[in-house]
Amino acid sequence: MLIERGQHPLIARGISHWIMRLGEDEAKKARMQRIVVDALRFLAKPGRAKRSISRRAAALLELWNTTSDLGNVFDAGDVSVFEFEEALEGALRGDIAACRRVTEVAAALAPGLSVRRGPKVSAAGFGHELLLRCVANTVGPKSYTSDPVSGDFTDPMTRATRLAFGNPRFDPRPAFRRQGARRGQKLN
């Protein structure tokens, strides 16, 4: 699709790999943030047993070690990420003071945490949104095209997204709505 729009084949391939990678990264980040928020909300409730605190601390530490990012959870808090990590390690060892500190930090952070409701955005959805943004920046805003005979979407961007992410049933409308909301336009 990018080659058809005049991009050099090498540049088009680079852009498509970049879009796929960013789409997958954003979808993974959204899944991780949901896990972190759920764990912090669990830990924020009073009266949790030391054992359940240790299990959630282990899950959070595993996320910390694999992604080194607990999301933007600590942006508004007074606690540093590293202080919380030390408290999680202490809670994992069974230290009562560390368990108490983990629950205090979680209780302080929990009121400000939110996760979007509704269907979760897939990697293809994030990728399509990036593709819409790239195309809008180069040739102006585009929309999806629906074929009334087949009842399917036939525009080149939707076909490219379906091919790149291996999702033949990808629906471009949610990505298009999110992109329009970012631009501040009201879309049908």
Protein backbone atom coordinates (compact mmCIF):
# COMPACT_ATOMS: atom_id res chain seq x y z
CA MET A 1 0.00 0.00 0.00
CA LEU A 2 2.81 2.42 0.83
CA ILE A 3 4.61 1.51 -2.39
CA GLU A 4 1.40 2.18 -4.33
CA ARG A 5 1.30 5.63 -2.69
CA GLY A 6 4.76 6.46 -3.99
CA GLN A 7 7.10 5.35 -1.19
CA HIS A 8 10.40 3.71 -2.05
CA PRO A 9 10.11 -0.08 -1.45
CA LEU A 10 12.89 -0.09 1.15
CA ILE A 11 11.36 2.82 3.05
CA ALA A 12 7.89 1.27 2.80
CA ARG A 13 9.18 -1.99 4.26
CA GLY A 14 10.89 -0.13 7.10
CA ILE A 15 7.77 1.86 7.89
CA SER A 16 5.59 -1.25 7.86
CA HIS A 17 7.94 -3.12 10.22
CA TRP A 18 8.06 -0.07 12.48
CA ILE A 19 4.25 0.18 12.57
CA MET A 20 3.87 -3.54 13.33
CA ARG A 21 6.46 -3.38 16.10
CA LEU A 22 4.94 -0.29 17.70
CA GLY A 23 1.44 -1.77 17.49
CA GLU A 24 2.57 -4.93 19.25
CA ASP A 25 4.50 -2.93 21.86
CA GLU A 26 1.51 -0.70 22.62
CA ALA A 27 -0.82 -3.70 22.96
CA LYS A 28 1.66 -5.38 25.31
CA LYS A 29 2.03 -2.20 27.36
CA ALA A 30 -1.75 -1.93 27.71
CA ARG A 31 -1.97 -5.55 28.92
CA MET A 32 0.84 -4.99 31.42
CA GLN A 33 -0.73 -1.83 32.77
CA ARG A 34 -3.98 -3.71 33.38
CA ILE A 35 -2.11 -6.36 35.39
CA VAL A 36 -0.29 -3.70 37.43
CA VAL A 37 -3.49 -1.78 38.16
CA ASP A 38 -5.35 -4.95 39.19
CA ALA A 39 -2.52 -5.97 41.51
CA LEU A 40 -2.27 -2.53 43.11
CA ARG A 41 -6.02 -2.36 43.65
CA PHE A 42 -5.89 -5.79 45.27
CA LEU A 43 -3.03 -4.74 47.54
CA ALA A 44 -4.79 -1.47 48.47
CA LYS A 45 -7.67 -3.25 50.19
CA PRO A 46 -7.12 -3.53 53.94
CA GLY A 47 -6.91 -6.87 55.73
CA ARG A 48 -4.98 -8.81 53.09
CA ALA A 49 -3.02 -11.81 54.34
CA LYS A 50 0.76 -11.73 54.21
CA ARG A 51 0.73 -14.70 51.85
CA SER A 52 -1.56 -13.03 49.31
CA ILE A 53 0.53 -9.84 49.49
CA SER A 54 3.64 -11.92 48.79
CA ARG A 55 1.99 -13.54 45.75
CA ARG A 56 1.00 -10.18 44.26
CA ALA A 57 4.44 -8.78 45.07
CA ALA A 58 5.99 -11.71 43.18
CA ALA A 59 3.76 -11.01 40.17
CA LEU A 60 4.65 -7.31 40.18
CA LEU A 61 8.37 -8.05 40.54
CA GLU A 62 8.20 -10.51 37.66
CA LEU A 63 6.64 -7.80 35.49
CA TRP A 64 9.26 -5.34 36.70
CA ASN A 65 12.08 -7.75 35.78
CA THR A 66 10.69 -8.69 32.36
CA THR A 67 9.54 -5.27 31.17
CA SER A 68 11.37 -2.89 33.57
CA ASP A 69 8.29 -0.71 33.33
CA LEU A 70 5.35 -0.70 35.70
CA GLY A 71 3.54 1.75 33.47
CA ASN A 72 2.90 5.35 34.33
CA VAL A 73 1.44 4.33 37.69
CA PHE A 74 3.99 6.30 39.68
CA ASP A 75 3.67 9.57 37.73
CA ALA A 76 1.33 11.19 40.23
CA GLY A 77 2.54 9.50 43.41
CA ASP A 78 4.93 10.64 46.12
CA VAL A 79 6.74 7.29 46.12
CA SER A 80 9.59 6.38 43.85
CA VAL A 81 9.44 3.23 41.78
CA PHE A 82 12.65 2.00 43.36
CA GLU A 83 11.35 2.41 46.90
CA PHE A 84 8.27 0.41 45.94
CA GLU A 85 10.45 -2.25 44.31
CA GLU A 86 12.43 -2.62 47.54
CA ALA A 87 9.20 -2.96 49.52
CA LEU A 88 7.96 -5.60 47.05
CA GLU A 89 11.19 -7.57 47.47
CA GLY A 90 10.81 -7.40 51.25
CA ALA A 91 7.17 -8.53 51.02
CA LEU A 92 8.28 -11.44 48.86
CA ARG A 93 10.68 -12.49 51.62
CA GLY A 94 7.83 -12.23 54.15
CA ASP A 95 8.95 -9.08 55.95
CA ILE A 96 5.90 -7.71 57.81
CA ALA A 97 7.08 -4.09 57.65
CA ALA A 98 7.60 -4.40 53.88
CA CYS A 99 4.13 -5.92 53.47
CA ARG A 100 2.69 -2.99 55.37
CA ARG A 101 4.64 -0.51 53.22
CA VAL A 102 3.44 -2.22 50.01
CA THR A 103 -0.19 -1.94 51.12
CA GLU A 104 0.31 1.72 52.14
CA VAL A 105 1.82 2.61 48.75
CA ALA A 106 -0.87 0.67 46.89
CA ALA A 107 -3.58 2.41 48.92
CA ALA A 108 -2.06 5.79 48.07
CA LEU A 109 -1.82 4.97 44.35
CA ALA A 110 -5.10 3.08 43.84
CA PRO A 111 -7.52 6.05 43.79
CA GLY A 112 -5.69 7.59 40.85
CA LEU A 113 -5.51 4.44 38.76
CA SER A 114 -7.86 3.71 35.91
CA VAL A 115 -8.09 1.23 33.09
CA ARG A 116 -10.21 1.85 30.04
CA ARG A 117 -13.40 -0.13 30.00
CA GLY A 118 -14.70 -2.03 27.03
CA PRO A 119 -12.91 -4.14 24.46
CA LYS A 120 -9.15 -4.00 24.64
CA VAL A 121 -7.23 -2.62 21.69
CA SER A 122 -5.31 -5.26 19.77
CA ALA A 123 -1.90 -4.92 18.19
CA ALA A 124 -3.62 -4.64 14.80
CA GLY A 125 -5.80 -1.82 16.16
CA PHE A 126 -2.79 0.12 17.44
CA GLY A 127 -0.94 -0.56 14.18
CA HIS A 128 -3.87 0.61 12.07
CA GLU A 129 -4.12 3.77 14.13
CA LEU A 130 -0.42 4.46 13.51
CA LEU A 131 -0.93 3.78 9.82
CA LEU A 132 -3.85 6.22 9.74
CA ARG A 133 -1.67 8.81 11.46
CA CYS A 134 1.22 8.28 9.03
CA VAL A 135 -1.00 8.48 5.97
CA ALA A 136 -2.87 11.49 7.34
CA ASN A 137 0.45 13.29 7.81
CA THR A 138 1.59 12.59 4.24
CA VAL A 139 -1.54 12.64 2.03
CA GLY A 140 -4.30 13.93 4.30
CA PRO A 141 -6.87 12.13 6.43
CA LYS A 142 -8.35 8.94 5.02
CA SER A 143 -11.27 6.76 5.98
CA TYR A 144 -12.27 3.16 5.56
CA THR A 145 -14.25 1.93 2.55
CA SER A 146 -17.00 -0.59 2.96
CA ASP A 147 -18.17 -2.74 0.05
CA PRO A 148 -21.97 -3.12 0.35
CA VAL A 149 -22.03 -6.25 -1.83
CA SER A 150 -19.56 -8.29 0.23
CA GLY A 151 -20.17 -6.39 3.48
CA ASP A 152 -16.42 -6.10 3.98
CA PHE A 153 -13.89 -3.27 4.14
CA THR A 154 -11.92 -2.87 0.93
CA ASP A 155 -9.68 0.13 1.47
CA PRO A 156 -5.92 -0.40 1.03
CA MET A 157 -5.04 0.47 4.65
CA THR A 158 -7.44 -2.12 6.06
CA ARG A 159 -6.13 -4.76 3.66
CA ALA A 160 -2.55 -3.86 4.60
CA THR A 161 -3.34 -4.12 8.32
CA ARG A 162 -5.08 -7.47 7.85
CA LEU A 163 -2.13 -8.82 5.90
CA ALA A 164 0.56 -7.45 8.24
CA PHE A 165 -1.06 -8.69 11.45
CA GLY A 166 -2.55 -11.89 10.03
CA ASN A 167 -6.08 -10.92 11.04
CA PRO A 168 -8.47 -11.38 8.08
CA ARG A 169 -11.45 -10.17 10.14
CA PHE A 170 -9.90 -6.90 11.35
CA ASP A 171 -12.46 -4.09 11.63
CA PRO A 172 -10.99 -0.60 11.01
CA ARG A 173 -13.88 1.39 12.51
CA PRO A 174 -12.71 1.44 16.17
CA ALA A 175 -9.20 2.56 15.15
CA PHE A 176 -10.70 5.21 12.92
CA ARG A 177 -12.91 6.47 15.77
CA ARG A 178 -9.98 6.59 18.20
CA GLN A 179 -7.90 8.48 15.64
CA GLY A 180 -10.72 10.95 15.06
CA ALA A 181 -11.14 11.45 18.80
CA ARG A 182 -7.44 12.26 19.04
CA ARG A 183 -7.85 14.87 16.33
CA GLY A 184 -10.79 16.29 18.26
CA GLN A 185 -13.32 15.65 15.52
CA LYS A 186 -16.74 14.12 15.99
CA LEU A 187 -17.07 11.12 13.65
CA ASN A 188 -20.09 8.97 12.79
